[in-house]
Structures are given as structure tokens and as C-alpha cells.
Amino acid sequence: MPKRTKAEAEATREALLDAAEVIFLERGVSRTSLEQIARQAGMTRGAVYWHFKNKSDLFHAMLDRVKMPLRQLLDDVEDAEQPRAPLESLRLATLHALERLQRPRSRRVHTILFHRCESSSDIDMLELQDRLSCDCYETMVERFQEARRTGTLVESIEPEIACRMLMSMFGGLMHDWLRAPQRYDIGEVGPRMIDTFFERITPTPAKPLD
């Protein structure tokens, strides 16, 4: 390929990832070839291999454009001047993740991840989803354990169980809404579900004695 500037190379790479989003969403990952992605982008297959080793490499690059680790979400909602309680940080980070999910690109890519990834020899989807889940669990359970130590998590729920409950609720909400987004407004329903969950696991302040 002729020598290009760094900006031109980056623009080509982004165009290929944009094309991959369109074709993966339309056809599914296993039924999409690199040649189809190249045609969608108005390029040759050689352009694809210039930037990506294979379809798996391209798929992970597409996912990286929208993926944000929980630690980053927590950093976004933290206030260095006024540290938040661990459960409040988790609540705000979960709401932040919900807001990001509704952005067009994030919505497309997560729809592909949840509903357009049939069994494929190119990509081990079970391993990928397990790795993403483990990364989230490790960060999340730390906050629930901190909440237990500081007395801000109800005694009846163990930190590990609270973590699994939140992950199951949010993962199920994502999966359900992305499958049929016309059924309800996740921007209205989601925050109510999240707030209700955190209300139920937060101890009720003791009433002052008369």
C-alpha cells in the first residue's frame, strides 16, 4: 500500500470499524467476511489486513471503541474534593454505564455483542464475555466489601451476593432492552430499577428517640 500519513491511516481504520458495525449488525458476526466489510467501507480486503490481523482482531478493536471498564466509570463519577460512599459511587457509575449504553455507537456494538454473535471459530464469545464479567466483578465486589466494613450495606446481604445481584440485574436489563428496544424507554425504566436496588441494600437510618 502507498505510504500514508498517520491521520489518513487512522481515518481508514475508523472507516473499516464503522463498516464492521453496519455489517455485523445486519448479518451477524459469523456470517460476515472481511471482504464484505471492505466493500462496505469502499476499500479492498488488503486495506483490512493492513490494519487488522483477522476478524477477531477487528471485532475486539470495534468493542474497544465503546468498552469502558468499571474502574473508569467509577473514576468519572468520583469527586476528589468530596469522596463518595462506596454504594453511592457504584450507583452513579451504574447510571453512567446506562447512559453510555443508549448512545448510538454503544447501542449498536452491544447489540452485536449480545444478539449478533453466533457460534464462530474466529471469536471465542464465551471466553470474551467471561473475561468482561470477571473484570467487572472484581472491581464491584471491592466496593460492596468496603460498604460492609463501613456499615453502609444491610447486614442481611453478603457483599458477593449483592455484587451478583447488581451484575445480573444490569446484564439482564441490557440484554432485554437491546433485543427489543421499542418495548420500553430504558432511560426511564433503568434508573428506577437501579435506584430501587440500592435503596433496598442500604440500611435505613435509625429514627431519633423522642
N, C-alpha and C. Protein backbone atom coordinates (compact mmCIF):
# COMPACT_ATOMS: atom_id res chain seq x y z
N MET A 1 0.84 -1.20 0.00
CA MET A 1 0.00 0.00 0.00
C MET A 1 0.88 1.25 0.00
N PRO A 2 0.45 2.33 -0.69
CA PRO A 2 1.24 3.55 -0.70
C PRO A 2 1.34 4.12 0.71
N LYS A 3 2.45 4.82 0.93
CA LYS A 3 2.68 5.41 2.24
C LYS A 3 1.65 6.50 2.51
N ARG A 4 1.09 6.48 3.70
CA ARG A 4 0.06 7.45 4.07
C ARG A 4 0.44 8.14 5.36
N THR A 5 -0.20 9.27 5.59
CA THR A 5 0.06 9.97 6.85
C THR A 5 -0.63 9.22 7.97
N LYS A 6 -0.20 9.51 9.18
CA LYS A 6 -0.80 8.86 10.35
C LYS A 6 -2.29 9.17 10.42
N ALA A 7 -2.67 10.40 10.10
CA ALA A 7 -4.08 10.79 10.15
C ALA A 7 -4.90 10.01 9.12
N GLU A 8 -4.34 9.83 7.91
CA GLU A 8 -5.04 9.09 6.87
C GLU A 8 -5.20 7.63 7.27
N ALA A 9 -4.15 7.06 7.84
CA ALA A 9 -4.21 5.67 8.28
C ALA A 9 -5.27 5.49 9.36
N GLU A 10 -5.33 6.42 10.30
CA GLU A 10 -6.32 6.35 11.37
C GLU A 10 -7.73 6.50 10.83
N ALA A 11 -7.90 7.38 9.83
CA ALA A 11 -9.22 7.57 9.23
C ALA A 11 -9.67 6.29 8.52
N THR A 12 -8.73 5.63 7.84
CA THR A 12 -9.05 4.37 7.17
C THR A 12 -9.46 3.31 8.19
N ARG A 13 -8.72 3.23 9.27
CA ARG A 13 -9.03 2.25 10.32
C ARG A 13 -10.42 2.49 10.90
N GLU A 14 -10.74 3.75 11.18
CA GLU A 14 -12.04 4.08 11.74
C GLU A 14 -13.16 3.77 10.75
N ALA A 15 -12.92 4.01 9.46
CA ALA A 15 -13.93 3.72 8.45
C ALA A 15 -14.20 2.22 8.36
N LEU A 16 -13.17 1.43 8.50
CA LEU A 16 -13.34 -0.03 8.49
C LEU A 16 -14.13 -0.50 9.71
N LEU A 17 -13.85 0.09 10.86
CA LEU A 17 -14.60 -0.27 12.07
C LEU A 17 -16.06 0.17 11.96
N ASP A 18 -16.29 1.33 11.36
CA ASP A 18 -17.67 1.78 11.13
C ASP A 18 -18.40 0.79 10.22
N ALA A 19 -17.71 0.35 9.17
CA ALA A 19 -18.31 -0.60 8.24
C ALA A 19 -18.60 -1.93 8.93
N ALA A 20 -17.68 -2.36 9.79
CA ALA A 20 -17.87 -3.61 10.52
C ALA A 20 -19.12 -3.54 11.39
N GLU A 21 -19.34 -2.41 12.05
CA GLU A 21 -20.54 -2.26 12.87
C GLU A 21 -21.80 -2.48 12.03
N VAL A 22 -21.83 -1.89 10.85
CA VAL A 22 -23.00 -1.99 9.99
C VAL A 22 -23.24 -3.43 9.55
N ILE A 23 -22.20 -4.10 9.08
CA ILE A 23 -22.36 -5.45 8.54
C ILE A 23 -22.58 -6.48 9.65
N PHE A 24 -21.85 -6.36 10.74
CA PHE A 24 -22.07 -7.28 11.87
C PHE A 24 -23.51 -7.17 12.37
N LEU A 25 -24.02 -5.96 12.47
CA LEU A 25 -25.37 -5.75 12.97
C LEU A 25 -26.39 -6.33 11.99
N GLU A 26 -26.12 -6.20 10.71
CA GLU A 26 -27.06 -6.66 9.68
C GLU A 26 -27.01 -8.17 9.48
N ARG A 27 -25.81 -8.75 9.43
CA ARG A 27 -25.65 -10.15 9.06
C ARG A 27 -25.29 -11.07 10.22
N GLY A 28 -24.76 -10.52 11.30
CA GLY A 28 -24.23 -11.35 12.37
C GLY A 28 -22.73 -11.54 12.16
N VAL A 29 -22.02 -11.79 13.23
CA VAL A 29 -20.55 -11.86 13.16
C VAL A 29 -20.08 -13.06 12.35
N SER A 30 -20.65 -14.24 12.60
CA SER A 30 -20.16 -15.45 11.93
C SER A 30 -20.44 -15.44 10.44
N ARG A 31 -21.47 -14.73 10.00
CA ARG A 31 -21.83 -14.71 8.58
C ARG A 31 -21.23 -13.52 7.84
N THR A 32 -20.34 -12.81 8.48
CA THR A 32 -19.69 -11.65 7.87
C THR A 32 -18.24 -11.97 7.53
N SER A 33 -17.83 -11.62 6.33
CA SER A 33 -16.45 -11.83 5.92
C SER A 33 -15.71 -10.49 5.90
N LEU A 34 -14.39 -10.55 5.94
CA LEU A 34 -13.59 -9.33 5.86
C LEU A 34 -13.78 -8.65 4.51
N GLU A 35 -14.02 -9.43 3.48
CA GLU A 35 -14.25 -8.85 2.16
C GLU A 35 -15.54 -8.02 2.14
N GLN A 36 -16.57 -8.50 2.81
CA GLN A 36 -17.83 -7.75 2.89
C GLN A 36 -17.63 -6.44 3.65
N ILE A 37 -16.83 -6.49 4.70
CA ILE A 37 -16.55 -5.27 5.46
C ILE A 37 -15.78 -4.28 4.60
N ALA A 38 -14.81 -4.79 3.84
CA ALA A 38 -14.03 -3.92 2.96
C ALA A 38 -14.93 -3.26 1.92
N ARG A 39 -15.83 -4.03 1.32
CA ARG A 39 -16.75 -3.46 0.32
C ARG A 39 -17.65 -2.40 0.93
N GLN A 40 -18.13 -2.67 2.15
CA GLN A 40 -18.99 -1.70 2.82
C GLN A 40 -18.25 -0.39 3.04
N ALA A 41 -16.95 -0.48 3.30
CA ALA A 41 -16.14 0.72 3.53
C ALA A 41 -15.61 1.33 2.23
N GLY A 42 -15.89 0.67 1.09
CA GLY A 42 -15.39 1.16 -0.18
C GLY A 42 -13.90 0.96 -0.35
N MET A 43 -13.37 -0.14 0.23
CA MET A 43 -11.94 -0.43 0.20
C MET A 43 -11.70 -1.86 -0.25
N THR A 44 -10.43 -2.22 -0.35
CA THR A 44 -10.06 -3.58 -0.71
C THR A 44 -9.82 -4.39 0.56
N ARG A 45 -9.80 -5.72 0.40
CA ARG A 45 -9.53 -6.57 1.55
C ARG A 45 -8.12 -6.34 2.08
N GLY A 46 -7.21 -5.94 1.17
CA GLY A 46 -5.86 -5.63 1.61
C GLY A 46 -5.80 -4.52 2.63
N ALA A 47 -6.73 -3.55 2.49
CA ALA A 47 -6.78 -2.45 3.46
C ALA A 47 -7.15 -2.97 4.85
N VAL A 48 -8.02 -3.98 4.87
CA VAL A 48 -8.41 -4.57 6.16
C VAL A 48 -7.20 -5.22 6.82
N TYR A 49 -6.47 -6.02 6.04
CA TYR A 49 -5.33 -6.74 6.61
C TYR A 49 -4.16 -5.80 6.94
N TRP A 50 -4.17 -4.63 6.38
CA TRP A 50 -3.15 -3.66 6.73
C TRP A 50 -3.32 -3.21 8.19
N HIS A 51 -4.58 -3.17 8.64
CA HIS A 51 -4.89 -2.66 9.98
C HIS A 51 -5.22 -3.76 10.99
N PHE A 52 -5.71 -4.91 10.51
CA PHE A 52 -6.18 -5.95 11.43
C PHE A 52 -5.66 -7.32 10.99
N LYS A 53 -5.24 -8.11 11.95
CA LYS A 53 -4.69 -9.43 11.64
C LYS A 53 -5.76 -10.37 11.09
N ASN A 54 -6.97 -10.29 11.65
CA ASN A 54 -8.06 -11.18 11.26
C ASN A 54 -9.38 -10.59 11.76
N LYS A 55 -10.46 -11.33 11.61
CA LYS A 55 -11.77 -10.81 12.02
C LYS A 55 -11.84 -10.64 13.54
N SER A 56 -11.22 -11.53 14.26
CA SER A 56 -11.22 -11.41 15.72
C SER A 56 -10.54 -10.12 16.16
N ASP A 57 -9.42 -9.80 15.55
CA ASP A 57 -8.70 -8.56 15.87
C ASP A 57 -9.56 -7.35 15.58
N LEU A 58 -10.24 -7.37 14.44
CA LEU A 58 -11.13 -6.26 14.08
C LEU A 58 -12.30 -6.16 15.06
N PHE A 59 -12.88 -7.31 15.41
CA PHE A 59 -14.02 -7.32 16.33
C PHE A 59 -13.64 -6.71 17.68
N HIS A 60 -12.49 -7.09 18.21
CA HIS A 60 -12.07 -6.56 19.51
C HIS A 60 -11.76 -5.07 19.43
N ALA A 61 -11.24 -4.62 18.30
CA ALA A 61 -11.00 -3.18 18.12
C ALA A 61 -12.31 -2.42 18.10
N MET A 62 -13.32 -3.00 17.47
CA MET A 62 -14.65 -2.39 17.45
C MET A 62 -15.22 -2.30 18.87
N LEU A 63 -15.04 -3.36 19.63
CA LEU A 63 -15.54 -3.38 21.01
C LEU A 63 -14.81 -2.37 21.87
N ASP A 64 -13.51 -2.21 21.65
CA ASP A 64 -12.71 -1.28 22.44
C ASP A 64 -13.17 0.17 22.28
N ARG A 65 -13.82 0.49 21.15
CA ARG A 65 -14.27 1.87 20.93
C ARG A 65 -15.40 2.26 21.88
N VAL A 66 -16.12 1.30 22.43
CA VAL A 66 -17.23 1.62 23.32
C VAL A 66 -17.03 1.07 24.73
N LYS A 67 -16.10 0.12 24.88
CA LYS A 67 -15.92 -0.52 26.19
C LYS A 67 -15.29 0.46 27.17
N MET A 68 -15.87 0.54 28.36
CA MET A 68 -15.28 1.35 29.42
C MET A 68 -15.28 0.53 30.70
N PRO A 69 -14.10 0.19 31.21
CA PRO A 69 -14.03 -0.61 32.44
C PRO A 69 -14.75 0.08 33.60
N LEU A 70 -15.25 -0.73 34.52
CA LEU A 70 -15.96 -0.18 35.67
C LEU A 70 -15.09 0.79 36.45
N ARG A 71 -13.80 0.51 36.55
CA ARG A 71 -12.92 1.43 37.27
C ARG A 71 -12.93 2.82 36.64
N GLN A 72 -12.99 2.87 35.31
CA GLN A 72 -13.04 4.16 34.63
C GLN A 72 -14.38 4.85 34.88
N LEU A 73 -15.46 4.08 34.87
CA LEU A 73 -16.78 4.65 35.17
C LEU A 73 -16.79 5.22 36.58
N LEU A 74 -16.18 4.51 37.52
CA LEU A 74 -16.12 4.99 38.90
C LEU A 74 -15.29 6.27 38.99
N ASP A 75 -14.17 6.29 38.26
CA ASP A 75 -13.34 7.50 38.27
C ASP A 75 -14.12 8.70 37.74
N ASP A 76 -14.96 8.46 36.74
CA ASP A 76 -15.73 9.55 36.13
C ASP A 76 -16.72 10.19 37.11
N VAL A 77 -17.23 9.39 38.04
CA VAL A 77 -18.26 9.92 38.95
C VAL A 77 -17.70 10.31 40.31
N GLU A 78 -16.43 10.01 40.55
CA GLU A 78 -15.83 10.35 41.84
C GLU A 78 -15.51 11.85 41.92
N ASP A 79 -15.56 12.36 43.11
CA ASP A 79 -15.22 13.75 43.38
C ASP A 79 -14.04 13.76 44.35
N ALA A 80 -12.89 14.19 43.85
CA ALA A 80 -11.68 14.17 44.69
C ALA A 80 -11.83 15.05 45.93
N GLU A 81 -12.62 16.11 45.81
CA GLU A 81 -12.80 17.03 46.94
C GLU A 81 -13.73 16.45 48.00
N GLN A 82 -14.73 15.68 47.55
CA GLN A 82 -15.70 15.10 48.47
C GLN A 82 -15.92 13.63 48.13
N PRO A 83 -15.08 12.73 48.67
CA PRO A 83 -15.21 11.31 48.37
C PRO A 83 -16.62 10.80 48.68
N ARG A 84 -17.13 9.96 47.81
CA ARG A 84 -18.49 9.43 47.99
C ARG A 84 -18.45 8.11 48.75
N ALA A 85 -19.57 7.76 49.36
CA ALA A 85 -19.71 6.45 49.99
C ALA A 85 -19.64 5.40 48.89
N PRO A 86 -19.13 4.20 49.20
CA PRO A 86 -18.92 3.18 48.15
C PRO A 86 -20.18 2.82 47.37
N LEU A 87 -21.32 2.70 48.05
CA LEU A 87 -22.54 2.34 47.34
C LEU A 87 -23.03 3.49 46.46
N GLU A 88 -22.83 4.71 46.89
CA GLU A 88 -23.23 5.85 46.07
C GLU A 88 -22.37 5.92 44.81
N SER A 89 -21.08 5.63 44.95
CA SER A 89 -20.19 5.59 43.77
C SER A 89 -20.66 4.53 42.79
N LEU A 90 -21.00 3.35 43.31
CA LEU A 90 -21.47 2.28 42.44
C LEU A 90 -22.78 2.65 41.76
N ARG A 91 -23.67 3.27 42.50
CA ARG A 91 -24.97 3.67 41.92
C ARG A 91 -24.75 4.65 40.77
N LEU A 92 -23.93 5.66 41.01
CA LEU A 92 -23.69 6.66 39.97
C LEU A 92 -22.95 6.07 38.78
N ALA A 93 -22.00 5.16 39.03
CA ALA A 93 -21.28 4.52 37.94
C ALA A 93 -22.23 3.65 37.10
N THR A 94 -23.17 2.97 37.76
CA THR A 94 -24.14 2.15 37.04
C THR A 94 -25.05 3.01 36.19
N LEU A 95 -25.48 4.13 36.72
CA LEU A 95 -26.30 5.07 35.95
C LEU A 95 -25.52 5.63 34.77
N HIS A 96 -24.22 5.89 34.99
CA HIS A 96 -23.35 6.38 33.92
C HIS A 96 -23.23 5.34 32.81
N ALA A 97 -23.07 4.07 33.20
CA ALA A 97 -22.99 2.99 32.22
C ALA A 97 -24.29 2.88 31.42
N LEU A 98 -25.41 3.07 32.10
CA LEU A 98 -26.71 3.02 31.42
C LEU A 98 -26.84 4.15 30.41
N GLU A 99 -26.37 5.33 30.78
CA GLU A 99 -26.42 6.47 29.86
C GLU A 99 -25.54 6.20 28.64
N ARG A 100 -24.37 5.65 28.84
CA ARG A 100 -23.47 5.34 27.73
C ARG A 100 -24.07 4.29 26.80
N LEU A 101 -24.76 3.31 27.37
CA LEU A 101 -25.37 2.25 26.57
C LEU A 101 -26.34 2.81 25.54
N GLN A 102 -27.01 3.90 25.87
CA GLN A 102 -28.03 4.46 24.98
C GLN A 102 -27.44 5.29 23.83
N ARG A 103 -26.14 5.56 23.86
CA ARG A 103 -25.52 6.30 22.76
C ARG A 103 -25.49 5.41 21.52
N PRO A 104 -25.71 5.98 20.33
CA PRO A 104 -25.88 5.16 19.11
C PRO A 104 -24.80 4.11 18.88
N ARG A 105 -23.54 4.50 18.94
CA ARG A 105 -22.48 3.52 18.68
C ARG A 105 -22.45 2.43 19.74
N SER A 106 -22.55 2.82 21.00
CA SER A 106 -22.54 1.84 22.08
C SER A 106 -23.72 0.89 21.95
N ARG A 107 -24.86 1.43 21.60
CA ARG A 107 -26.05 0.58 21.43
C ARG A 107 -25.84 -0.41 20.30
N ARG A 108 -25.28 0.02 19.16
CA ARG A 108 -25.04 -0.89 18.04
C ARG A 108 -24.07 -2.00 18.43
N VAL A 109 -22.95 -1.62 19.04
CA VAL A 109 -21.91 -2.60 19.35
C VAL A 109 -22.39 -3.59 20.41
N HIS A 110 -23.11 -3.12 21.40
CA HIS A 110 -23.61 -4.05 22.42
C HIS A 110 -24.72 -4.94 21.87
N THR A 111 -25.49 -4.45 20.91
CA THR A 111 -26.47 -5.31 20.24
C THR A 111 -25.74 -6.43 19.50
N ILE A 112 -24.66 -6.09 18.83
CA ILE A 112 -23.84 -7.11 18.16
C ILE A 112 -23.31 -8.11 19.17
N LEU A 113 -22.77 -7.61 20.28
CA LEU A 113 -22.18 -8.47 21.30
C LEU A 113 -23.19 -9.42 21.91
N PHE A 114 -24.40 -8.93 22.18
CA PHE A 114 -25.41 -9.74 22.85
C PHE A 114 -26.26 -10.57 21.90
N HIS A 115 -26.51 -10.05 20.69
CA HIS A 115 -27.52 -10.68 19.84
C HIS A 115 -27.08 -11.01 18.41
N ARG A 116 -25.85 -10.67 18.04
CA ARG A 116 -25.41 -10.97 16.67
C ARG A 116 -24.12 -11.80 16.66
N CYS A 117 -23.78 -12.38 17.79
CA CYS A 117 -22.54 -13.17 17.89
C CYS A 117 -22.89 -14.65 17.98
N GLU A 118 -23.20 -15.24 16.85
CA GLU A 118 -23.45 -16.67 16.82
C GLU A 118 -22.14 -17.41 17.01
N SER A 119 -22.22 -18.70 17.17
CA SER A 119 -21.00 -19.50 17.33
C SER A 119 -20.07 -19.27 16.15
N SER A 120 -18.84 -18.92 16.46
CA SER A 120 -17.88 -18.59 15.41
C SER A 120 -16.50 -19.11 15.79
N SER A 121 -15.80 -19.70 14.81
CA SER A 121 -14.46 -20.21 15.07
C SER A 121 -13.46 -19.07 15.21
N ASP A 122 -13.84 -17.87 14.74
CA ASP A 122 -12.92 -16.73 14.77
C ASP A 122 -12.83 -16.09 16.15
N ILE A 123 -13.95 -16.10 16.89
CA ILE A 123 -14.03 -15.38 18.16
C ILE A 123 -14.63 -16.28 19.22
N ASP A 124 -13.96 -16.41 20.35
CA ASP A 124 -14.47 -17.20 21.47
C ASP A 124 -15.33 -16.27 22.33
N MET A 125 -16.64 -16.24 22.02
CA MET A 125 -17.53 -15.30 22.68
C MET A 125 -17.71 -15.63 24.16
N LEU A 126 -17.74 -16.91 24.51
CA LEU A 126 -17.89 -17.28 25.92
C LEU A 126 -16.69 -16.81 26.73
N GLU A 127 -15.50 -16.98 26.17
CA GLU A 127 -14.30 -16.52 26.87
C GLU A 127 -14.30 -15.01 27.01
N LEU A 128 -14.72 -14.31 25.95
CA LEU A 128 -14.75 -12.85 25.98
C LEU A 128 -15.74 -12.35 27.02
N GLN A 129 -16.96 -12.89 27.00
CA GLN A 129 -17.97 -12.45 27.95
C GLN A 129 -17.58 -12.80 29.38
N ASP A 130 -16.93 -13.94 29.58
CA ASP A 130 -16.47 -14.33 30.92
C ASP A 130 -15.39 -13.38 31.42
N ARG A 131 -14.48 -12.98 30.53
CA ARG A 131 -13.41 -12.06 30.92
C ARG A 131 -13.98 -10.70 31.30
N LEU A 132 -14.93 -10.20 30.50
CA LEU A 132 -15.55 -8.91 30.81
C LEU A 132 -16.30 -8.98 32.15
N SER A 133 -16.97 -10.10 32.39
CA SER A 133 -17.72 -10.27 33.63
C SER A 133 -16.79 -10.32 34.83
N CYS A 134 -15.68 -11.04 34.70
CA CYS A 134 -14.73 -11.16 35.82
C CYS A 134 -14.09 -9.82 36.16
N ASP A 135 -13.74 -9.05 35.14
CA ASP A 135 -13.15 -7.73 35.38
C ASP A 135 -14.12 -6.84 36.15
N CYS A 136 -15.39 -6.89 35.76
CA CYS A 136 -16.41 -6.09 36.43
C CYS A 136 -16.63 -6.57 37.86
N TYR A 137 -16.69 -7.88 38.05
CA TYR A 137 -16.95 -8.44 39.37
C TYR A 137 -15.87 -8.04 40.37
N GLU A 138 -14.62 -8.15 39.97
CA GLU A 138 -13.52 -7.86 40.88
C GLU A 138 -13.56 -6.42 41.39
N THR A 139 -13.86 -5.50 40.49
CA THR A 139 -13.94 -4.09 40.88
C THR A 139 -15.17 -3.82 41.73
N MET A 140 -16.28 -4.41 41.33
CA MET A 140 -17.54 -4.14 42.01
C MET A 140 -17.56 -4.72 43.42
N VAL A 141 -17.06 -5.94 43.58
CA VAL A 141 -17.13 -6.57 44.89
C VAL A 141 -16.26 -5.83 45.90
N GLU A 142 -15.19 -5.18 45.44
CA GLU A 142 -14.37 -4.37 46.34
C GLU A 142 -15.21 -3.28 46.99
N ARG A 143 -16.07 -2.64 46.20
CA ARG A 143 -16.92 -1.57 46.74
C ARG A 143 -17.96 -2.11 47.71
N PHE A 144 -18.53 -3.26 47.40
CA PHE A 144 -19.51 -3.84 48.33
C PHE A 144 -18.83 -4.28 49.63
N GLN A 145 -17.62 -4.78 49.54
CA GLN A 145 -16.89 -5.16 50.76
C GLN A 145 -16.55 -3.93 51.59
N GLU A 146 -16.22 -2.84 50.92
CA GLU A 146 -15.96 -1.59 51.64
C GLU A 146 -17.23 -1.10 52.32
N ALA A 147 -18.35 -1.23 51.62
CA ALA A 147 -19.63 -0.83 52.21
C ALA A 147 -19.94 -1.66 53.44
N ARG A 148 -19.63 -2.95 53.41
CA ARG A 148 -19.85 -3.80 54.58
C ARG A 148 -18.98 -3.34 55.75
N ARG A 149 -17.71 -3.03 55.49
CA ARG A 149 -16.80 -2.59 56.55
C ARG A 149 -17.24 -1.28 57.17
N THR A 150 -17.84 -0.41 56.37
CA THR A 150 -18.25 0.91 56.87
C THR A 150 -19.71 0.94 57.35
N GLY A 151 -20.36 -0.23 57.33
CA GLY A 151 -21.73 -0.31 57.83
C GLY A 151 -22.77 0.32 56.93
N THR A 152 -22.46 0.45 55.62
CA THR A 152 -23.43 1.06 54.69
C THR A 152 -24.08 0.05 53.77
N LEU A 153 -23.90 -1.25 54.07
CA LEU A 153 -24.59 -2.32 53.35
C LEU A 153 -25.39 -3.10 54.38
N VAL A 154 -26.65 -3.39 54.08
CA VAL A 154 -27.51 -4.09 55.05
C VAL A 154 -26.85 -5.41 55.45
N GLU A 155 -26.99 -5.76 56.72
CA GLU A 155 -26.34 -6.95 57.26
C GLU A 155 -26.84 -8.24 56.63
N SER A 156 -28.06 -8.23 56.11
CA SER A 156 -28.65 -9.48 55.60
C SER A 156 -28.11 -9.90 54.24
N ILE A 157 -27.31 -9.06 53.58
CA ILE A 157 -26.79 -9.38 52.25
C ILE A 157 -25.26 -9.38 52.27
N GLU A 158 -24.67 -10.47 51.85
CA GLU A 158 -23.22 -10.54 51.76
C GLU A 158 -22.74 -9.73 50.54
N PRO A 159 -21.55 -9.13 50.64
CA PRO A 159 -21.04 -8.33 49.51
C PRO A 159 -21.02 -9.08 48.19
N GLU A 160 -20.61 -10.35 48.22
CA GLU A 160 -20.54 -11.13 46.99
C GLU A 160 -21.92 -11.35 46.38
N ILE A 161 -22.93 -11.54 47.23
CA ILE A 161 -24.30 -11.74 46.74
C ILE A 161 -24.84 -10.42 46.17
N ALA A 162 -24.58 -9.32 46.86
CA ALA A 162 -25.01 -8.01 46.36
C ALA A 162 -24.40 -7.73 44.99
N CYS A 163 -23.13 -8.10 44.84
CA CYS A 163 -22.43 -7.90 43.57
C CYS A 163 -23.09 -8.71 42.46
N ARG A 164 -23.37 -9.98 42.73
CA ARG A 164 -24.01 -10.83 41.73
C ARG A 164 -25.40 -10.32 41.38
N MET A 165 -26.11 -9.82 42.38
CA MET A 165 -27.45 -9.29 42.13
C MET A 165 -27.41 -8.10 41.18
N LEU A 166 -26.48 -7.18 41.43
CA LEU A 166 -26.39 -5.99 40.58
C LEU A 166 -25.94 -6.36 39.17
N MET A 167 -24.95 -7.24 39.06
CA MET A 167 -24.49 -7.65 37.74
C MET A 167 -25.60 -8.37 36.96
N SER A 168 -26.35 -9.22 37.63
CA SER A 168 -27.44 -9.94 36.97
C SER A 168 -28.54 -8.98 36.53
N MET A 169 -28.87 -8.03 37.39
CA MET A 169 -29.92 -7.07 37.04
C MET A 169 -29.52 -6.21 35.85
N PHE A 170 -28.29 -5.67 35.90
CA PHE A 170 -27.87 -4.78 34.83
C PHE A 170 -27.65 -5.54 33.53
N GLY A 171 -27.04 -6.73 33.63
CA GLY A 171 -26.83 -7.53 32.43
C GLY A 171 -28.14 -7.96 31.81
N GLY A 172 -29.10 -8.35 32.64
CA GLY A 172 -30.41 -8.73 32.12
C GLY A 172 -31.14 -7.55 31.50
N LEU A 173 -31.01 -6.38 32.10
CA LEU A 173 -31.64 -5.18 31.56
C LEU A 173 -31.07 -4.86 30.18
N MET A 174 -29.73 -4.92 30.06
CA MET A 174 -29.09 -4.67 28.77
C MET A 174 -29.58 -5.65 27.72
N HIS A 175 -29.52 -6.94 28.06
CA HIS A 175 -29.89 -7.99 27.11
C HIS A 175 -31.33 -7.83 26.65
N ASP A 176 -32.24 -7.58 27.59
CA ASP A 176 -33.67 -7.47 27.28
C ASP A 176 -33.96 -6.25 26.42
N TRP A 177 -33.41 -5.10 26.78
CA TRP A 177 -33.69 -3.88 26.04
C TRP A 177 -33.08 -3.90 24.64
N LEU A 178 -31.86 -4.38 24.51
CA LEU A 178 -31.22 -4.42 23.20
C LEU A 178 -31.93 -5.37 22.25
N ARG A 179 -32.58 -6.39 22.78
CA ARG A 179 -33.32 -7.33 21.94
C ARG A 179 -34.57 -6.69 21.37
N ALA A 180 -35.23 -5.83 22.14
CA ALA A 180 -36.47 -5.20 21.68
C ALA A 180 -36.59 -3.80 22.29
N PRO A 181 -35.77 -2.85 21.85
CA PRO A 181 -35.73 -1.51 22.47
C PRO A 181 -37.03 -0.72 22.34
N GLN A 182 -37.90 -1.14 21.43
CA GLN A 182 -39.15 -0.40 21.25
C GLN A 182 -40.17 -0.69 22.35
N ARG A 183 -39.90 -1.70 23.16
CA ARG A 183 -40.88 -2.10 24.17
C ARG A 183 -40.98 -1.13 25.34
N TYR A 184 -39.88 -0.49 25.67
CA TYR A 184 -39.93 0.47 26.78
C TYR A 184 -38.74 1.40 26.70
N ASP A 185 -38.85 2.49 27.45
CA ASP A 185 -37.80 3.51 27.48
C ASP A 185 -36.82 3.15 28.59
N ILE A 186 -35.65 2.65 28.21
CA ILE A 186 -34.67 2.24 29.23
C ILE A 186 -34.15 3.44 30.00
N GLY A 187 -34.19 4.61 29.38
CA GLY A 187 -33.74 5.82 30.07
C GLY A 187 -34.68 6.21 31.20
N GLU A 188 -35.90 5.69 31.18
CA GLU A 188 -36.86 5.95 32.26
C GLU A 188 -36.93 4.76 33.22
N VAL A 189 -36.97 3.55 32.68
CA VAL A 189 -37.11 2.35 33.49
C VAL A 189 -35.81 2.00 34.20
N GLY A 190 -34.68 2.09 33.48
CA GLY A 190 -33.40 1.68 34.03
C GLY A 190 -33.03 2.39 35.32
N PRO A 191 -33.04 3.73 35.34
CA PRO A 191 -32.68 4.42 36.59
C PRO A 191 -33.58 4.07 37.76
N ARG A 192 -34.85 3.83 37.49
CA ARG A 192 -35.76 3.45 38.58
C ARG A 192 -35.37 2.09 39.15
N MET A 193 -35.01 1.15 38.29
CA MET A 193 -34.56 -0.17 38.75
C MET A 193 -33.28 -0.05 39.58
N ILE A 194 -32.34 0.72 39.07
CA ILE A 194 -31.05 0.87 39.76
C ILE A 194 -31.23 1.54 41.11
N ASP A 195 -32.00 2.63 41.15
CA ASP A 195 -32.22 3.33 42.41
C ASP A 195 -32.95 2.44 43.42
N THR A 196 -33.93 1.67 42.95
CA THR A 196 -34.66 0.77 43.84
C THR A 196 -33.74 -0.28 44.44
N PHE A 197 -32.85 -0.84 43.63
CA PHE A 197 -31.90 -1.84 44.13
C PHE A 197 -31.05 -1.26 45.25
N PHE A 198 -30.48 -0.08 45.03
CA PHE A 198 -29.59 0.49 46.04
C PHE A 198 -30.35 0.93 47.28
N GLU A 199 -31.60 1.33 47.13
CA GLU A 199 -32.41 1.67 48.30
C GLU A 199 -32.62 0.44 49.17
N ARG A 200 -32.80 -0.71 48.54
CA ARG A 200 -33.09 -1.94 49.29
C ARG A 200 -31.86 -2.49 50.02
N ILE A 201 -30.66 -2.17 49.54
CA ILE A 201 -29.47 -2.74 50.19
C ILE A 201 -28.77 -1.73 51.10
N THR A 202 -29.36 -0.56 51.25
CA THR A 202 -28.79 0.47 52.11
C THR A 202 -29.54 0.48 53.45
N PRO A 203 -28.84 0.40 54.57
CA PRO A 203 -29.52 0.40 55.87
C PRO A 203 -30.38 1.64 56.06
N THR A 204 -31.51 1.46 56.69
CA THR A 204 -32.40 2.57 56.99
C THR A 204 -31.88 3.29 58.23
N PRO A 205 -31.68 4.60 58.16
CA PRO A 205 -31.18 5.33 59.33
C PRO A 205 -32.11 5.14 60.53
N ALA A 206 -31.50 4.96 61.69
CA ALA A 206 -32.30 4.80 62.91
C ALA A 206 -33.04 6.09 63.23
N LYS A 207 -34.30 5.94 63.64
CA LYS A 207 -35.09 7.10 64.00
C LYS A 207 -34.64 7.63 65.36
N PRO A 208 -34.54 8.95 65.48
CA PRO A 208 -34.12 9.51 66.78
C PRO A 208 -35.16 9.24 67.85
N LEU A 209 -34.69 9.00 69.06
CA LEU A 209 -35.62 8.77 70.17
C LEU A 209 -36.31 10.05 70.57
N ASP A 210 -37.56 9.94 70.91
CA ASP A 210 -38.31 11.12 71.36
C ASP A 210 -37.81 11.57 72.73
